[in-house]
Amino acid sequence: MAKIRVAVLFGGVSSEHEISLMSAENVIRSIPKNKYEVLCIGITRKGRWLYFPGDYSEISTGAWEQNPDCSAAILSPDPIHGGIVTIENGETYIKKVDVVFPVLHGRNGEDGRIQGILEMARLPYVGCGVLSSAVCMDKGMTHIVLEHFDIHTAKWTCVHQRELNKLDEKCEAIAETLGFPLFVKPANAGSSVGVNKATDVESLKEAVQIAFTHDEKVIIEEYIEGRELEVAVFGYDAPFASYVGEIEPAAEFYDFDDKYVNGTSKLYIPARIPEKDADRIREIAVRAYTKLGCKGLARVDFFLANDGTIILNEINTMPGFTNISMYPKLMEHLGMSQEYLVDKLIEQAMENTARS
């Protein structure tokens, strides 16, 4: 029986390029090779697509780009091609693909753009669709949709780049409305990229300007004092939530280095919270996942405030799969090894497309 051909996309034009490389190598190593044939398609920081036939160990280090066997690759939006077009030694080849696993984090990968191309190509793919990816990526839109469904989020506001000439006035008004401290973050960047804490008007203005280097819209949220919690959600028609995991940040807050570089935060699975709170958080995670139209997988992040309030922070539609990432750890605690998890994600993506 012929193997199922899965194309794994990695890299990308995103501030999370390196994280994608680490996640992708773990995903590729977890794909059962007796069942699947893997095609590796890397996207450089400058947006160049390359078919990479080399050793998987070159991916996480970034050495894959220099491999002499790499060739130009194009994900064709034309369904008649059914996959990847490569240009090798001046010759054009079509590599048929059965399913795509876009292990791309952040902009241009987790925001609906790549999903749109895959929809046009009529290729099954792992993860959320165009709309849910876009809404979950934009933290402002996430707030709006969740609030519509009475799911509690932090008090917030936003600033657009076109308002920079009124920044002093805007920050004064925000300070008066939300108070301090505040968290400032780009609306469309993941993994705490460009996120800073503001304690007064001057640091608020500085944090907003930093966030604008990552996106043209900036979100400002009230500071929540409490526990940082995460839930893995899996599935299509009948999604379910993992145990609640707890993060004890080594830094002042769970920032990019703490998540992916240092690995010094403490993780607790299950979280050190009352069972009734854990059950409620899992219920809200699945509800938010469903209302936002998510499918396949997502990591839902919460705060359990010191006064007992449950606050949904954000939803990641392609969570990290690195060695220290919470999503695979949470699923493993349910008894799903990473190999089993990856297999089921691919399998369900194909089944979902066949049904629809």
Protein backbone atom coordinates (compact mmCIF):
# COMPACT_ATOMS: atom_id res chain seq x y z
CA MET A 1 0.00 0.00 0.00
CA ALA A 2 1.36 3.42 -0.95
CA LYS A 3 2.37 5.71 1.86
CA ILE A 4 0.48 8.92 2.54
CA ARG A 5 2.56 11.87 1.40
CA VAL A 6 2.62 14.68 3.96
CA ALA A 7 4.30 18.03 3.27
CA VAL A 8 5.64 19.74 6.39
CA LEU A 9 6.03 23.50 6.05
CA PHE A 10 8.45 25.28 8.38
CA GLY A 11 10.38 28.51 8.88
CA GLY A 12 8.47 31.46 7.49
CA VAL A 13 8.61 35.24 7.43
CA SER A 14 7.85 35.69 11.11
CA SER A 15 9.47 36.70 14.37
CA GLU A 16 8.92 33.05 15.37
CA HIS A 17 11.01 31.62 12.53
CA GLU A 18 13.44 29.76 14.82
CA ILE A 19 10.63 28.32 16.93
CA SER A 20 9.01 26.96 13.79
CA LEU A 21 12.28 25.21 12.90
CA MET A 22 12.49 23.56 16.32
CA SER A 23 8.81 22.59 16.27
CA ALA A 24 9.01 21.21 12.74
CA GLU A 25 12.00 18.98 13.46
CA ASN A 26 10.15 17.46 16.41
CA VAL A 27 6.99 16.99 14.35
CA ILE A 28 8.89 15.40 11.44
CA ARG A 29 10.71 12.98 13.75
CA SER A 30 7.34 12.02 15.27
CA ILE A 31 5.63 11.21 11.96
CA PRO A 32 5.35 7.39 11.62
CA LYS A 33 7.59 6.62 8.63
CA ASN A 34 5.93 3.25 8.03
CA LYS A 35 2.70 5.11 7.21
CA TYR A 36 3.83 8.45 5.78
CA GLU A 37 6.34 9.81 3.30
CA VAL A 38 7.53 13.27 4.39
CA LEU A 39 8.28 16.19 2.07
CA CYS A 40 10.10 19.03 3.84
CA ILE A 41 9.34 22.53 2.55
CA GLY A 42 11.23 25.34 4.25
CA ILE A 43 10.49 29.05 3.96
CA THR A 44 13.40 31.42 4.55
CA ARG A 45 13.16 34.66 6.50
CA LYS A 46 13.02 36.50 3.18
CA GLY A 47 10.11 34.39 2.00
CA ARG A 48 11.91 32.03 -0.38
CA TRP A 49 10.36 28.55 -0.56
CA LEU A 50 12.75 25.59 -0.79
CA TYR A 51 12.25 21.86 -1.08
CA PHE A 52 14.66 20.36 1.45
CA PRO A 53 15.63 16.69 0.96
CA GLY A 54 18.43 16.66 3.57
CA ASP A 55 18.90 15.37 7.09
CA TYR A 56 16.23 16.44 9.57
CA SER A 57 18.88 17.50 12.08
CA GLU A 58 19.75 20.45 9.84
CA ILE A 59 16.31 22.02 10.29
CA SER A 60 16.42 23.24 13.91
CA THR A 61 19.94 24.64 13.50
CA GLY A 62 19.00 26.62 10.39
CA ALA A 63 21.66 24.80 8.34
CA TRP A 64 18.98 23.43 6.01
CA GLU A 65 19.02 26.65 3.95
CA GLN A 66 22.63 26.07 2.90
CA ASN A 67 22.11 22.46 1.86
CA PRO A 68 23.21 22.19 -1.81
CA ASP A 69 20.38 19.77 -2.56
CA CYS A 70 17.70 22.36 -1.81
CA SER A 71 15.64 23.45 -4.81
CA ALA A 72 13.07 26.16 -5.44
CA ALA A 73 9.55 25.12 -4.47
CA ILE A 74 6.10 26.56 -5.10
CA LEU A 75 2.90 25.56 -3.35
CA SER A 76 0.57 25.64 -6.32
CA PRO A 77 -2.90 27.10 -5.67
CA ASP A 78 -4.13 25.23 -8.76
CA PRO A 79 -5.92 22.04 -7.62
CA ILE A 80 -4.88 20.25 -10.82
CA HIS A 81 -1.28 20.19 -9.56
CA GLY A 82 -2.26 18.72 -6.21
CA GLY A 83 0.85 19.76 -4.36
CA ILE A 84 4.31 21.27 -4.69
CA VAL A 85 6.02 22.38 -7.89
CA THR A 86 9.82 22.17 -7.67
CA ILE A 87 12.50 23.48 -10.02
CA GLU A 88 15.51 21.17 -10.00
CA ASN A 89 18.45 21.70 -12.37
CA GLY A 90 16.27 23.78 -14.64
CA GLU A 91 13.56 21.12 -14.83
CA THR A 92 10.07 21.49 -13.34
CA TYR A 93 8.56 18.65 -11.31
CA ILE A 94 5.23 18.23 -9.54
CA LYS A 95 5.35 16.49 -6.18
CA LYS A 96 1.85 15.33 -5.33
CA VAL A 97 0.80 15.84 -1.71
CA ASP A 98 -1.98 14.13 0.25
CA VAL A 99 -1.96 16.40 3.30
CA VAL A 100 -0.03 19.40 4.62
CA PHE A 101 1.20 20.03 8.17
CA PRO A 102 1.95 23.78 8.32
CA VAL A 103 4.27 24.00 11.35
CA LEU A 104 4.40 27.77 11.02
CA HIS A 105 4.03 30.10 13.99
CA GLY A 106 3.03 33.76 13.96
CA ARG A 107 2.41 35.95 10.95
CA ASN A 108 2.22 34.47 7.46
CA GLY A 109 1.62 31.02 8.90
CA GLU A 110 -0.78 31.09 11.81
CA ASP A 111 -2.94 33.98 10.64
CA GLY A 112 -4.97 32.41 7.84
CA ARG A 113 -2.71 33.35 4.92
CA ILE A 114 -1.16 29.95 4.29
CA GLN A 115 -4.49 28.32 5.08
CA GLY A 116 -6.08 30.38 2.28
CA ILE A 117 -3.57 29.07 -0.27
CA LEU A 118 -4.16 25.50 0.93
CA GLU A 119 -7.92 25.97 0.61
CA MET A 120 -7.48 27.23 -2.97
CA ALA A 121 -5.30 24.20 -3.74
CA ARG A 122 -7.91 21.94 -2.13
CA LEU A 123 -5.27 20.28 -0.03
CA PRO A 124 -6.14 18.85 3.39
CA TYR A 125 -4.12 20.48 6.16
CA VAL A 126 -3.63 20.18 9.89
CA GLY A 127 -5.11 22.89 12.06
CA CYS A 128 -7.58 25.74 12.05
CA GLY A 129 -9.10 27.25 8.93
CA VAL A 130 -8.73 30.70 7.40
CA LEU A 131 -11.20 32.63 9.55
CA SER A 132 -10.45 31.06 12.92
CA SER A 133 -6.69 31.37 12.31
CA ALA A 134 -7.06 35.07 11.44
CA VAL A 135 -9.36 35.88 14.36
CA CYS A 136 -7.24 34.04 16.93
CA MET A 137 -4.07 35.66 15.60
CA ASP A 138 -5.47 39.18 15.97
CA LYS A 139 -5.73 39.67 19.73
CA GLY A 140 -8.18 42.54 19.31
CA MET A 141 -10.56 40.43 17.23
CA THR A 142 -10.19 37.58 19.73
CA HIS A 143 -11.33 39.92 22.51
CA ILE A 144 -14.32 41.09 20.48
CA VAL A 145 -15.55 37.59 19.60
CA LEU A 146 -15.02 36.18 23.09
CA GLU A 147 -16.80 39.11 24.70
CA HIS A 148 -19.74 38.53 22.33
CA PHE A 149 -20.06 35.00 23.74
CA ASP A 150 -19.67 36.21 27.37
CA ILE A 151 -16.25 34.62 27.81
CA HIS A 152 -14.30 36.72 30.29
CA THR A 153 -11.14 38.43 28.99
CA ALA A 154 -8.93 41.14 30.48
CA LYS A 155 -10.04 44.77 30.18
CA TRP A 156 -8.36 46.13 27.08
CA THR A 157 -8.09 48.75 24.39
CA CYS A 158 -6.08 49.20 21.21
CA VAL A 159 -4.02 51.82 19.41
CA HIS A 160 -3.59 51.97 15.64
CA GLN A 161 -0.42 53.21 13.97
CA ARG A 162 -2.36 56.05 12.36
CA GLU A 163 -2.88 57.41 15.90
CA LEU A 164 0.84 57.81 16.59
CA ASN A 165 0.59 61.57 16.23
CA LYS A 166 -1.83 61.53 19.19
CA LEU A 167 0.14 59.03 21.28
CA ASP A 168 0.62 61.29 24.32
CA GLU A 169 -3.08 62.06 24.51
CA LYS A 170 -4.03 58.44 23.85
CA CYS A 171 -1.73 57.05 26.56
CA GLU A 172 -3.01 59.55 29.11
CA ALA A 173 -6.58 58.43 28.39
CA ILE A 174 -5.63 54.74 28.60
CA ALA A 175 -3.88 55.27 31.91
CA GLU A 176 -6.94 57.00 33.31
CA THR A 177 -9.26 54.21 32.13
CA LEU A 178 -7.22 51.07 32.83
CA GLY A 179 -4.70 52.22 35.44
CA PHE A 180 -1.28 50.63 35.94
CA PRO A 181 0.46 48.28 35.50
CA LEU A 182 -0.49 47.39 31.93
CA PHE A 183 0.67 44.88 29.37
CA VAL A 184 1.34 46.13 25.86
CA LYS A 185 1.55 43.71 22.93
CA PRO A 186 1.37 43.69 19.13
CA ALA A 187 -2.07 42.57 17.99
CA ASN A 188 -0.63 40.07 15.49
CA ALA A 189 2.50 38.54 16.99
CA GLY A 190 2.75 35.39 19.05
CA SER A 191 4.94 33.93 21.79
CA SER A 192 5.22 37.18 23.75
CA VAL A 193 7.15 38.84 20.93
CA GLY A 194 7.19 42.61 21.44
CA VAL A 195 5.33 42.34 24.76
CA ASN A 196 6.25 44.73 27.56
CA LYS A 197 4.92 45.77 30.95
CA ALA A 198 4.16 49.46 31.50
CA THR A 199 4.09 51.03 34.96
CA ASP A 200 3.57 54.69 34.05
CA VAL A 201 2.66 56.88 31.08
CA GLU A 202 6.25 57.17 29.83
CA SER A 203 6.88 53.42 29.87
CA LEU A 204 3.45 52.94 28.25
CA LYS A 205 4.42 55.19 25.33
CA GLU A 206 7.74 53.39 24.97
CA ALA A 207 6.08 49.96 25.07
CA VAL A 208 3.54 51.01 22.43
CA GLN A 209 6.31 52.24 20.12
CA ILE A 210 8.19 48.95 20.55
CA ALA A 211 5.02 46.97 19.78
CA PHE A 212 4.50 49.04 16.63
CA THR A 213 7.76 47.63 15.25
CA HIS A 214 5.95 44.27 15.06
CA ASP A 215 2.45 45.27 13.96
CA GLU A 216 0.35 48.27 12.98
CA LYS A 217 -2.15 47.60 15.77
CA VAL A 218 -1.23 47.41 19.45
CA ILE A 219 -3.26 45.90 22.28
CA ILE A 220 -3.09 47.28 25.83
CA GLU A 221 -4.48 45.09 28.60
CA GLU A 222 -4.95 45.39 32.33
CA TYR A 223 -2.45 43.54 34.50
CA ILE A 224 -3.86 40.33 36.00
CA GLU A 225 -2.26 39.09 39.18
CA GLY A 226 -2.65 35.35 39.46
CA ARG A 227 -1.65 31.99 38.02
CA GLU A 228 -0.79 31.44 34.34
CA LEU A 229 -2.58 28.37 33.00
CA GLU A 230 -2.74 26.58 29.64
CA VAL A 231 -5.04 23.96 28.16
CA ALA A 232 -4.51 21.85 25.04
CA VAL A 233 -7.63 21.30 22.93
CA PHE A 234 -7.78 18.60 20.26
CA GLY A 235 -10.36 17.53 17.71
CA TYR A 236 -12.91 18.47 15.08
CA ASP A 237 -16.54 17.46 15.65
CA ALA A 238 -16.12 16.56 19.31
CA PRO A 239 -13.12 18.53 20.64
CA PHE A 240 -11.82 17.78 24.10
CA ALA A 241 -9.49 19.51 26.53
CA SER A 242 -6.43 18.21 28.32
CA TYR A 243 -5.67 18.63 31.98
CA VAL A 244 -4.90 22.20 32.92
CA GLY A 245 -1.19 23.00 32.98
CA GLU A 246 0.38 25.71 35.11
CA ILE A 247 3.40 27.87 34.32
CA GLU A 248 5.53 29.43 37.01
CA PRO A 249 7.59 31.96 35.04
CA ALA A 250 11.25 32.38 35.83
CA ALA A 251 11.09 35.93 34.47
CA GLU A 252 8.70 38.69 35.55
CA PHE A 253 6.23 37.28 33.04
CA TYR A 254 6.25 34.33 30.63
CA ASP A 255 8.24 35.99 27.84
CA PHE A 256 9.78 34.68 24.60
CA ASP A 257 13.12 33.63 26.16
CA ASP A 258 11.36 31.93 29.03
CA LYS A 259 9.16 29.97 26.62
CA TYR A 260 11.75 28.86 24.09
CA VAL A 261 15.34 29.79 24.96
CA ASN A 262 16.03 29.41 28.65
CA GLY A 263 13.48 26.75 29.52
CA THR A 264 13.77 27.78 33.16
CA SER A 265 10.07 28.20 33.91
CA LYS A 266 8.47 25.51 36.03
CA LEU A 267 5.59 23.56 34.51
CA TYR A 268 3.00 21.76 36.59
CA ILE A 269 0.66 19.20 35.07
CA PRO A 270 -1.96 19.14 36.45
CA ALA A 271 -2.04 22.73 37.69
CA ARG A 272 -2.01 23.40 41.42
CA ILE A 273 -5.56 24.70 41.50
CA PRO A 274 -8.89 23.46 42.91
CA GLU A 275 -10.56 20.77 40.81
CA LYS A 276 -13.71 22.88 40.34
CA ASP A 277 -11.60 25.67 38.79
CA ALA A 278 -9.79 23.19 36.54
CA ASP A 279 -13.08 21.74 35.32
CA ARG A 280 -14.46 25.20 34.60
CA ILE A 281 -11.30 26.24 32.73
CA ARG A 282 -11.42 23.11 30.57
CA GLU A 283 -15.08 23.77 29.81
CA ILE A 284 -14.36 27.40 28.81
CA ALA A 285 -11.40 26.29 26.67
CA VAL A 286 -13.57 23.94 24.60
CA ARG A 287 -16.36 26.55 24.38
CA ALA A 288 -13.97 29.25 23.14
CA TYR A 289 -12.38 26.79 20.69
CA THR A 290 -15.82 25.94 19.30
CA LYS A 291 -17.15 29.50 19.14
CA LEU A 292 -14.04 30.71 17.34
CA GLY A 293 -14.39 27.92 14.79
CA CYS A 294 -11.13 26.18 15.69
CA LYS A 295 -10.39 22.66 14.52
CA GLY A 296 -7.58 20.18 14.83
CA LEU A 297 -5.68 21.73 17.67
CA ALA A 298 -5.16 24.88 19.70
CA ARG A 299 -3.63 25.91 23.02
CA VAL A 300 -5.89 28.10 25.14
CA ASP A 301 -4.16 30.30 27.73
CA PHE A 302 -5.79 31.56 30.92
CA PHE A 303 -5.20 33.52 34.08
CA LEU A 304 -6.71 32.40 37.35
CA ALA A 305 -6.76 35.73 39.17
CA ASN A 306 -6.05 35.91 42.89
CA ASP A 307 -9.73 36.70 43.50
CA GLY A 308 -10.74 33.45 41.75
CA THR A 309 -11.80 35.01 38.44
CA ILE A 310 -11.06 32.92 35.34
CA ILE A 311 -9.79 35.08 32.48
CA LEU A 312 -9.04 33.79 28.99
CA ASN A 313 -5.82 35.36 27.75
CA GLU A 314 -5.35 34.10 24.18
CA ILE A 315 -5.67 31.17 21.79
CA ASN A 316 -2.76 29.79 19.74
CA THR A 317 -3.90 27.89 16.66
CA MET A 318 -0.50 26.32 15.92
CA PRO A 319 1.11 25.91 19.34
CA GLY A 320 4.77 25.12 19.73
CA PHE A 321 6.01 21.55 19.37
CA THR A 322 9.50 22.16 20.78
CA ASN A 323 11.04 19.98 23.49
CA ILE A 324 9.73 22.34 26.19
CA SER A 325 6.37 23.27 24.64
CA MET A 326 3.26 22.87 26.76
CA TYR A 327 0.85 21.53 24.11
CA PRO A 328 2.57 18.17 23.49
CA LYS A 329 3.36 17.86 27.21
CA LEU A 330 -0.31 18.31 28.11
CA MET A 331 -1.40 15.76 25.52
CA GLU A 332 1.26 13.32 26.68
CA HIS A 333 -0.18 13.60 30.20
CA LEU A 334 -3.45 12.31 28.69
CA GLY A 335 -1.56 9.28 27.38
CA MET A 336 -1.02 10.55 23.83
CA SER A 337 2.63 10.22 22.85
CA GLN A 338 3.89 12.83 20.40
CA GLU A 339 4.03 10.14 17.69
CA TYR A 340 0.40 9.18 18.30
CA LEU A 341 -0.66 12.85 18.53
CA VAL A 342 1.00 13.81 15.23
CA ASP A 343 -0.43 10.75 13.49
CA LYS A 344 -3.95 11.58 14.69
CA LEU A 345 -3.65 15.26 13.72
CA ILE A 346 -2.73 14.27 10.17
CA GLU A 347 -5.33 11.52 10.01
CA GLN A 348 -8.14 13.75 11.27
CA ALA A 349 -7.18 16.55 8.89
CA MET A 350 -7.65 14.19 5.96
CA GLU A 351 -10.91 12.79 7.33
CA ASN A 352 -12.30 16.27 7.95
CA THR A 353 -11.55 17.34 4.37
CA ALA A 354 -13.08 14.14 2.98
CA ARG A 355 -16.30 14.80 4.93
CA SER A 356 -16.57 18.38 3.75
